[in-house]
All heavy atoms as atom14 arrays in JSON, in Angstrom:
{
  "sequence": "PISDASNSRLVLNLGKQRGKLMNGDTVVMDYPISSGRSS",
  "atom14_mask": [
    [1, 1, 1, 1, 1, 1, 1, 0, 0, 0, 0, 0, 0, 0],
    [1, 1, 1, 1, 1, 1, 1, 1, 0, 0, 0, 0, 0, 0],
    [1, 1, 1, 1, 1, 1, 0, 0, 0, 0, 0, 0, 0, 0],
    [1, 1, 1, 1, 1, 1, 1, 1, 0, 0, 0, 0, 0, 0],
    [1, 1, 1, 1, 1, 0, 0, 0, 0, 0, 0, 0, 0, 0],
    [1, 1, 1, 1, 1, 1, 0, 0, 0, 0, 0, 0, 0, 0],
    [1, 1, 1, 1, 1, 1, 1, 1, 0, 0, 0, 0, 0, 0],
    [1, 1, 1, 1, 1, 1, 0, 0, 0, 0, 0, 0, 0, 0],
    [1, 1, 1, 1, 1, 1, 1, 1, 1, 1, 1, 0, 0, 0],
    [1, 1, 1, 1, 1, 1, 1, 1, 0, 0, 0, 0, 0, 0],
    [1, 1, 1, 1, 1, 1, 1, 0, 0, 0, 0, 0, 0, 0],
    [1, 1, 1, 1, 1, 1, 1, 1, 0, 0, 0, 0, 0, 0],
    [1, 1, 1, 1, 1, 1, 1, 1, 0, 0, 0, 0, 0, 0],
    [1, 1, 1, 1, 1, 1, 1, 1, 0, 0, 0, 0, 0, 0],
    [1, 1, 1, 1, 0, 0, 0, 0, 0, 0, 0, 0, 0, 0],
    [1, 1, 1, 1, 1, 1, 1, 1, 1, 0, 0, 0, 0, 0],
    [1, 1, 1, 1, 1, 1, 1, 1, 1, 0, 0, 0, 0, 0],
    [1, 1, 1, 1, 1, 1, 1, 1, 1, 1, 1, 0, 0, 0],
    [1, 1, 1, 1, 0, 0, 0, 0, 0, 0, 0, 0, 0, 0],
    [1, 1, 1, 1, 1, 1, 1, 1, 1, 0, 0, 0, 0, 0],
    [1, 1, 1, 1, 1, 1, 1, 1, 0, 0, 0, 0, 0, 0],
    [1, 1, 1, 1, 1, 1, 1, 1, 0, 0, 0, 0, 0, 0],
    [1, 1, 1, 1, 1, 1, 1, 1, 0, 0, 0, 0, 0, 0],
    [1, 1, 1, 1, 0, 0, 0, 0, 0, 0, 0, 0, 0, 0],
    [1, 1, 1, 1, 1, 1, 1, 1, 0, 0, 0, 0, 0, 0],
    [1, 1, 1, 1, 1, 1, 1, 0, 0, 0, 0, 0, 0, 0],
    [1, 1, 1, 1, 1, 1, 1, 0, 0, 0, 0, 0, 0, 0],
    [1, 1, 1, 1, 1, 1, 1, 0, 0, 0, 0, 0, 0, 0],
    [1, 1, 1, 1, 1, 1, 1, 1, 0, 0, 0, 0, 0, 0],
    [1, 1, 1, 1, 1, 1, 1, 1, 0, 0, 0, 0, 0, 0],
    [1, 1, 1, 1, 1, 1, 1, 1, 1, 1, 1, 1, 0, 0],
    [1, 1, 1, 1, 1, 1, 1, 0, 0, 0, 0, 0, 0, 0],
    [1, 1, 1, 1, 1, 1, 1, 1, 0, 0, 0, 0, 0, 0],
    [1, 1, 1, 1, 1, 1, 0, 0, 0, 0, 0, 0, 0, 0],
    [1, 1, 1, 1, 1, 1, 0, 0, 0, 0, 0, 0, 0, 0],
    [1, 1, 1, 1, 0, 0, 0, 0, 0, 0, 0, 0, 0, 0],
    [1, 1, 1, 1, 1, 1, 1, 1, 1, 1, 1, 0, 0, 0],
    [1, 1, 1, 1, 1, 1, 0, 0, 0, 0, 0, 0, 0, 0],
    [1, 1, 1, 1, 1, 1, 0, 0, 0, 0, 0, 0, 0, 0]
  ],
  "atom14_positions": [
    [[127.86, -91.91, 37.49], [127.73, -91.06, 36.36], [126.16, -90.59, 36.18], [125.83, -89.55, 35.78], [128.08, -91.83, 34.95], [128.97, -92.82, 35.51], [128.6, -93.16, 36.9], [0.0, 0.0, 0.0], [0.0, 0.0, 0.0], [0.0, 0.0, 0.0], [0.0, 0.0, 0.0], [0.0, 0.0, 0.0], [0.0, 0.0, 0.0], [0.0, 0.0, 0.0]],
    [[125.27, -91.55, 36.58], [123.88, -91.23, 36.45], [123.28, -90.62, 37.73], [122.1, -90.3, 37.79], [123.05, -92.4, 35.97], [123.13, -93.55, 37.06], [123.52, -92.87, 34.66], [121.97, -94.69, 36.82], [0.0, 0.0, 0.0], [0.0, 0.0, 0.0], [0.0, 0.0, 0.0], [0.0, 0.0, 0.0], [0.0, 0.0, 0.0], [0.0, 0.0, 0.0]],
    [[124.08, -90.51, 38.85], [123.58, -89.97, 40.08], [123.85, -88.45, 39.92], [124.77, -87.9, 39.48], [124.41, -90.44, 41.29], [124.17, -91.85, 41.44], [0.0, 0.0, 0.0], [0.0, 0.0, 0.0], [0.0, 0.0, 0.0], [0.0, 0.0, 0.0], [0.0, 0.0, 0.0], [0.0, 0.0, 0.0], [0.0, 0.0, 0.0], [0.0, 0.0, 0.0]],
    [[122.67, -87.69, 40.4], [122.71, -86.33, 40.35], [121.87, -85.64, 41.44], [121.37, -86.51, 42.17], [122.42, -85.83, 38.91], [121.01, -86.04, 38.51], [120.07, -86.35, 39.35], [120.82, -86.42, 37.22], [0.0, 0.0, 0.0], [0.0, 0.0, 0.0], [0.0, 0.0, 0.0], [0.0, 0.0, 0.0], [0.0, 0.0, 0.0], [0.0, 0.0, 0.0]],
    [[121.73, -84.42, 41.33], [120.91, -83.83, 42.39], [119.37, -84.21, 42.51], [118.7, -84.05, 43.49], [120.97, -82.32, 42.23], [0.0, 0.0, 0.0], [0.0, 0.0, 0.0], [0.0, 0.0, 0.0], [0.0, 0.0, 0.0], [0.0, 0.0, 0.0], [0.0, 0.0, 0.0], [0.0, 0.0, 0.0], [0.0, 0.0, 0.0], [0.0, 0.0, 0.0]],
    [[119.0, -84.85, 41.28], [117.55, -85.31, 41.4], [117.38, -86.69, 42.06], [116.17, -87.07, 42.28], [117.11, -85.29, 39.95], [117.58, -86.42, 39.07], [0.0, 0.0, 0.0], [0.0, 0.0, 0.0], [0.0, 0.0, 0.0], [0.0, 0.0, 0.0], [0.0, 0.0, 0.0], [0.0, 0.0, 0.0], [0.0, 0.0, 0.0], [0.0, 0.0, 0.0]],
    [[118.37, -87.44, 42.25], [118.18, -88.79, 42.63], [119.22, -89.28, 43.77], [119.25, -90.44, 44.14], [118.29, -89.77, 41.55], [119.61, -89.8, 40.7], [120.7, -89.25, 41.33], [119.63, -90.23, 39.5], [0.0, 0.0, 0.0], [0.0, 0.0, 0.0], [0.0, 0.0, 0.0], [0.0, 0.0, 0.0], [0.0, 0.0, 0.0], [0.0, 0.0, 0.0]],
    [[119.93, -88.28, 44.34], [120.91, -88.59, 45.44], [120.39, -88.34, 46.77], [119.43, -87.51, 46.92], [122.19, -87.92, 45.09], [122.79, -88.33, 43.98], [0.0, 0.0, 0.0], [0.0, 0.0, 0.0], [0.0, 0.0, 0.0], [0.0, 0.0, 0.0], [0.0, 0.0, 0.0], [0.0, 0.0, 0.0], [0.0, 0.0, 0.0], [0.0, 0.0, 0.0]],
    [[121.01, -89.0, 47.72], [120.85, -88.53, 49.22], [121.99, -88.81, 49.96], [122.94, -89.62, 49.4], [119.62, -89.47, 49.74], [119.83, -90.9, 49.79], [118.57, -91.6, 50.21], [118.77, -93.17, 50.11], [119.19, -93.9, 51.01], [119.48, -93.46, 52.25], [119.28, -95.33, 50.8], [0.0, 0.0, 0.0], [0.0, 0.0, 0.0], [0.0, 0.0, 0.0]],
    [[122.24, -88.36, 51.06], [123.45, -88.62, 51.94], [122.98, -89.33, 53.13], [122.0, -89.12, 53.83], [124.0, -87.23, 52.39], [124.63, -86.29, 51.27], [125.02, -85.06, 51.82], [125.83, -87.1, 50.65], [0.0, 0.0, 0.0], [0.0, 0.0, 0.0], [0.0, 0.0, 0.0], [0.0, 0.0, 0.0], [0.0, 0.0, 0.0], [0.0, 0.0, 0.0]],
    [[123.96, -90.28, 53.48], [123.97, -90.99, 54.88], [125.16, -90.79, 55.49], [126.3, -91.2, 55.01], [123.58, -92.47, 54.61], [123.47, -93.22, 55.97], [122.35, -92.67, 53.87], [0.0, 0.0, 0.0], [0.0, 0.0, 0.0], [0.0, 0.0, 0.0], [0.0, 0.0, 0.0], [0.0, 0.0, 0.0], [0.0, 0.0, 0.0], [0.0, 0.0, 0.0]],
    [[125.25, -90.31, 56.75], [126.43, -89.89, 57.35], [126.38, -90.64, 58.76], [125.51, -90.46, 59.57], [126.49, -88.41, 57.68], [126.32, -87.56, 56.36], [126.24, -86.06, 56.5], [127.57, -87.77, 55.48], [0.0, 0.0, 0.0], [0.0, 0.0, 0.0], [0.0, 0.0, 0.0], [0.0, 0.0, 0.0], [0.0, 0.0, 0.0], [0.0, 0.0, 0.0]],
    [[127.35, -91.61, 58.92], [127.41, -92.54, 60.02], [128.36, -92.07, 61.03], [129.62, -92.16, 60.73], [127.73, -93.96, 59.46], [127.59, -94.99, 60.63], [128.26, -94.9, 61.59], [126.71, -96.01, 60.35], [0.0, 0.0, 0.0], [0.0, 0.0, 0.0], [0.0, 0.0, 0.0], [0.0, 0.0, 0.0], [0.0, 0.0, 0.0], [0.0, 0.0, 0.0]],
    [[127.96, -91.64, 62.15], [128.86, -91.11, 63.1], [129.68, -92.1, 63.9], [130.81, -91.89, 64.12], [128.01, -90.37, 64.18], [127.12, -89.09, 63.66], [126.56, -88.36, 64.78], [127.93, -88.23, 62.87], [0.0, 0.0, 0.0], [0.0, 0.0, 0.0], [0.0, 0.0, 0.0], [0.0, 0.0, 0.0], [0.0, 0.0, 0.0], [0.0, 0.0, 0.0]],
    [[129.13, -93.37, 64.05], [129.78, -94.37, 64.59], [131.03, -94.79, 63.83], [132.09, -95.14, 64.39], [0.0, 0.0, 0.0], [0.0, 0.0, 0.0], [0.0, 0.0, 0.0], [0.0, 0.0, 0.0], [0.0, 0.0, 0.0], [0.0, 0.0, 0.0], [0.0, 0.0, 0.0], [0.0, 0.0, 0.0], [0.0, 0.0, 0.0], [0.0, 0.0, 0.0]],
    [[130.73, -94.94, 62.56], [131.87, -95.46, 61.68], [132.63, -94.32, 61.1], [133.69, -94.57, 60.43], [131.24, -96.18, 60.48], [130.61, -97.54, 60.96], [130.03, -98.2, 59.75], [129.32, -99.6, 60.26], [128.8, -100.23, 59.13], [0.0, 0.0, 0.0], [0.0, 0.0, 0.0], [0.0, 0.0, 0.0], [0.0, 0.0, 0.0], [0.0, 0.0, 0.0]],
    [[132.2, -93.1, 61.24], [132.86, -91.93, 60.69], [133.04, -92.04, 59.23], [134.05, -91.86, 58.68], [134.26, -91.69, 61.38], [134.17, -91.27, 62.93], [133.54, -89.91, 63.12], [134.11, -88.81, 62.85], [132.31, -89.81, 63.54], [0.0, 0.0, 0.0], [0.0, 0.0, 0.0], [0.0, 0.0, 0.0], [0.0, 0.0, 0.0], [0.0, 0.0, 0.0]],
    [[131.86, -92.37, 58.53], [131.92, -92.55, 57.07], [130.66, -91.82, 56.61], [129.65, -91.75, 57.23], [131.71, -94.03, 56.81], [132.85, -94.95, 57.17], [134.21, -94.73, 56.67], [134.25, -94.89, 55.19], [135.25, -94.72, 54.55], [136.49, -94.35, 55.13], [135.35, -94.9, 53.16], [0.0, 0.0, 0.0], [0.0, 0.0, 0.0], [0.0, 0.0, 0.0]],
    [[130.9, -91.21, 55.4], [129.73, -90.6, 54.7], [129.45, -91.53, 53.34], [130.45, -92.11, 52.91], [0.0, 0.0, 0.0], [0.0, 0.0, 0.0], [0.0, 0.0, 0.0], [0.0, 0.0, 0.0], [0.0, 0.0, 0.0], [0.0, 0.0, 0.0], [0.0, 0.0, 0.0], [0.0, 0.0, 0.0], [0.0, 0.0, 0.0], [0.0, 0.0, 0.0]],
    [[128.24, -91.48, 52.98], [127.83, -92.21, 51.89], [126.87, -91.41, 50.98], [125.92, -90.92, 51.34], [127.16, -93.54, 52.19], [128.05, -94.6, 52.92], [127.36, -95.78, 53.26], [128.37, -96.76, 53.91], [127.55, -98.01, 54.39], [0.0, 0.0, 0.0], [0.0, 0.0, 0.0], [0.0, 0.0, 0.0], [0.0, 0.0, 0.0], [0.0, 0.0, 0.0]],
    [[127.27, -91.19, 49.73], [126.58, -90.62, 48.68], [125.7, -91.86, 48.17], [126.28, -92.78, 47.61], [127.22, -89.93, 47.67], [126.52, -89.34, 46.55], [125.55, -88.24, 47.0], [127.49, -88.85, 45.39], [0.0, 0.0, 0.0], [0.0, 0.0, 0.0], [0.0, 0.0, 0.0], [0.0, 0.0, 0.0], [0.0, 0.0, 0.0], [0.0, 0.0, 0.0]],
    [[124.41, -91.71, 48.19], [123.53, -92.79, 47.7], [122.7, -92.47, 46.6], [122.24, -91.29, 46.39], [122.53, -93.25, 48.9], [123.24, -93.5, 50.29], [124.13, -95.06, 50.27], [122.86, -96.27, 50.06], [0.0, 0.0, 0.0], [0.0, 0.0, 0.0], [0.0, 0.0, 0.0], [0.0, 0.0, 0.0], [0.0, 0.0, 0.0], [0.0, 0.0, 0.0]],
    [[122.37, -93.51, 45.67], [121.41, -93.3, 44.53], [120.53, -94.6, 44.82], [120.86, -95.61, 44.72], [122.12, -93.43, 43.33], [121.09, -93.4, 42.05], [119.94, -93.72, 42.3], [121.57, -92.78, 41.1], [0.0, 0.0, 0.0], [0.0, 0.0, 0.0], [0.0, 0.0, 0.0], [0.0, 0.0, 0.0], [0.0, 0.0, 0.0], [0.0, 0.0, 0.0]],
    [[119.34, -94.33, 45.5], [118.5, -95.41, 45.91], [119.14, -96.13, 46.95], [119.54, -95.6, 47.98], [0.0, 0.0, 0.0], [0.0, 0.0, 0.0], [0.0, 0.0, 0.0], [0.0, 0.0, 0.0], [0.0, 0.0, 0.0], [0.0, 0.0, 0.0], [0.0, 0.0, 0.0], [0.0, 0.0, 0.0], [0.0, 0.0, 0.0], [0.0, 0.0, 0.0]],
    [[119.29, -97.44, 46.86], [119.95, -98.26, 47.82], [121.44, -98.59, 47.42], [122.16, -99.36, 48.2], [119.24, -99.66, 48.04], [117.92, -99.41, 48.78], [117.78, -98.46, 49.55], [117.05, -100.24, 48.49], [0.0, 0.0, 0.0], [0.0, 0.0, 0.0], [0.0, 0.0, 0.0], [0.0, 0.0, 0.0], [0.0, 0.0, 0.0], [0.0, 0.0, 0.0]],
    [[121.96, -97.93, 46.42], [123.25, -98.12, 45.92], [124.19, -97.02, 46.46], [123.97, -95.93, 46.39], [123.35, -98.05, 44.43], [122.49, -99.01, 43.93], [124.79, -98.29, 43.87], [0.0, 0.0, 0.0], [0.0, 0.0, 0.0], [0.0, 0.0, 0.0], [0.0, 0.0, 0.0], [0.0, 0.0, 0.0], [0.0, 0.0, 0.0], [0.0, 0.0, 0.0]],
    [[125.26, -97.49, 47.12], [126.35, -96.6, 47.61], [127.13, -96.19, 46.41], [127.77, -96.87, 45.79], [127.31, -97.26, 48.62], [128.46, -96.33, 48.99], [126.47, -97.8, 49.78], [0.0, 0.0, 0.0], [0.0, 0.0, 0.0], [0.0, 0.0, 0.0], [0.0, 0.0, 0.0], [0.0, 0.0, 0.0], [0.0, 0.0, 0.0], [0.0, 0.0, 0.0]],
    [[127.1, -94.89, 46.03], [127.72, -94.23, 45.0], [129.18, -93.96, 45.4], [130.13, -93.94, 44.63], [126.94, -93.07, 44.41], [127.7, -92.4, 43.31], [125.59, -93.48, 43.92], [0.0, 0.0, 0.0], [0.0, 0.0, 0.0], [0.0, 0.0, 0.0], [0.0, 0.0, 0.0], [0.0, 0.0, 0.0], [0.0, 0.0, 0.0], [0.0, 0.0, 0.0]],
    [[129.31, -93.39, 46.54], [130.6, -92.91, 47.16], [130.65, -93.15, 48.59], [129.63, -92.86, 49.25], [130.84, -91.55, 46.73], [132.25, -91.04, 47.22], [132.43, -89.31, 46.78], [132.38, -89.34, 44.97], [0.0, 0.0, 0.0], [0.0, 0.0, 0.0], [0.0, 0.0, 0.0], [0.0, 0.0, 0.0], [0.0, 0.0, 0.0], [0.0, 0.0, 0.0]],
    [[131.69, -93.76, 49.11], [131.91, -94.06, 50.56], [133.15, -93.3, 50.95], [134.28, -93.57, 50.34], [131.91, -95.45, 50.76], [132.11, -95.79, 52.22], [132.42, -94.96, 53.05], [131.82, -97.09, 52.54], [0.0, 0.0, 0.0], [0.0, 0.0, 0.0], [0.0, 0.0, 0.0], [0.0, 0.0, 0.0], [0.0, 0.0, 0.0], [0.0, 0.0, 0.0]],
    [[133.07, -92.33, 51.89], [134.33, -91.6, 52.2], [134.34, -91.22, 53.68], [133.43, -91.25, 54.36], [134.09, -90.25, 51.34], [132.88, -89.41, 51.57], [132.9, -88.38, 52.54], [131.75, -89.74, 50.97], [131.72, -87.68, 52.7], [130.54, -89.01, 51.03], [130.57, -87.95, 52.08], [129.43, -87.25, 52.26], [0.0, 0.0, 0.0], [0.0, 0.0, 0.0]],
    [[135.68, -91.0, 54.07], [135.74, -90.68, 55.57], [135.28, -89.3, 55.91], [135.38, -88.25, 55.09], [137.27, -90.77, 55.72], [137.87, -90.5, 54.38], [136.9, -90.93, 53.37], [0.0, 0.0, 0.0], [0.0, 0.0, 0.0], [0.0, 0.0, 0.0], [0.0, 0.0, 0.0], [0.0, 0.0, 0.0], [0.0, 0.0, 0.0], [0.0, 0.0, 0.0]],
    [[134.79, -89.29, 57.1], [134.16, -87.97, 57.81], [134.73, -87.74, 59.2], [135.35, -88.73, 59.7], [132.79, -87.96, 57.77], [132.16, -89.03, 58.71], [132.17, -87.99, 56.39], [130.64, -88.93, 59.04], [0.0, 0.0, 0.0], [0.0, 0.0, 0.0], [0.0, 0.0, 0.0], [0.0, 0.0, 0.0], [0.0, 0.0, 0.0], [0.0, 0.0, 0.0]],
    [[134.65, -86.6, 59.69], [134.89, -86.28, 61.18], [133.74, -85.48, 61.64], [133.44, -84.44, 61.07], [136.21, -85.64, 61.23], [136.48, -85.34, 62.73], [0.0, 0.0, 0.0], [0.0, 0.0, 0.0], [0.0, 0.0, 0.0], [0.0, 0.0, 0.0], [0.0, 0.0, 0.0], [0.0, 0.0, 0.0], [0.0, 0.0, 0.0], [0.0, 0.0, 0.0]],
    [[132.97, -85.93, 62.62], [131.91, -85.36, 63.16], [132.17, -84.52, 64.42], [133.34, -84.43, 64.68], [130.8, -86.38, 63.46], [131.25, -87.3, 64.41], [0.0, 0.0, 0.0], [0.0, 0.0, 0.0], [0.0, 0.0, 0.0], [0.0, 0.0, 0.0], [0.0, 0.0, 0.0], [0.0, 0.0, 0.0], [0.0, 0.0, 0.0], [0.0, 0.0, 0.0]],
    [[131.22, -84.09, 65.12], [131.47, -83.3, 66.38], [131.93, -83.97, 67.48], [131.47, -85.13, 67.75], [0.0, 0.0, 0.0], [0.0, 0.0, 0.0], [0.0, 0.0, 0.0], [0.0, 0.0, 0.0], [0.0, 0.0, 0.0], [0.0, 0.0, 0.0], [0.0, 0.0, 0.0], [0.0, 0.0, 0.0], [0.0, 0.0, 0.0], [0.0, 0.0, 0.0]],
    [[132.84, -83.35, 68.27], [133.37, -84.01, 69.43], [132.45, -83.92, 70.53], [131.39, -83.2, 70.39], [134.81, -83.32, 69.82], [134.74, -81.91, 69.93], [136.16, -81.41, 70.16], [136.11, -79.8, 70.37], [136.62, -79.04, 69.6], [137.25, -79.45, 68.51], [136.64, -77.64, 69.9], [0.0, 0.0, 0.0], [0.0, 0.0, 0.0], [0.0, 0.0, 0.0]],
    [[132.72, -84.53, 71.69], [131.67, -84.59, 72.81], [131.13, -83.25, 73.18], [129.94, -83.13, 73.59], [132.25, -85.42, 73.91], [133.34, -84.89, 74.46], [0.0, 0.0, 0.0], [0.0, 0.0, 0.0], [0.0, 0.0, 0.0], [0.0, 0.0, 0.0], [0.0, 0.0, 0.0], [0.0, 0.0, 0.0], [0.0, 0.0, 0.0], [0.0, 0.0, 0.0]],
    [[132.03, -82.28, 73.22], [131.63, -80.97, 73.74], [130.86, -80.25, 72.67], [130.14, -79.24, 73.1], [132.87, -80.1, 74.12], [133.73, -79.93, 72.91], [0.0, 0.0, 0.0], [0.0, 0.0, 0.0], [0.0, 0.0, 0.0], [0.0, 0.0, 0.0], [0.0, 0.0, 0.0], [0.0, 0.0, 0.0], [0.0, 0.0, 0.0], [0.0, 0.0, 0.0]]
  ]
}
């Protein structure tokens, strides 16, 4: 609830295929992603 555009950042982990919405060092949301294939 207190995370917003003024204090958030994104960390996208290609190895784990996970995205994280962060507020400082706190994971606010952890969700599945799909990144680019080898080509």
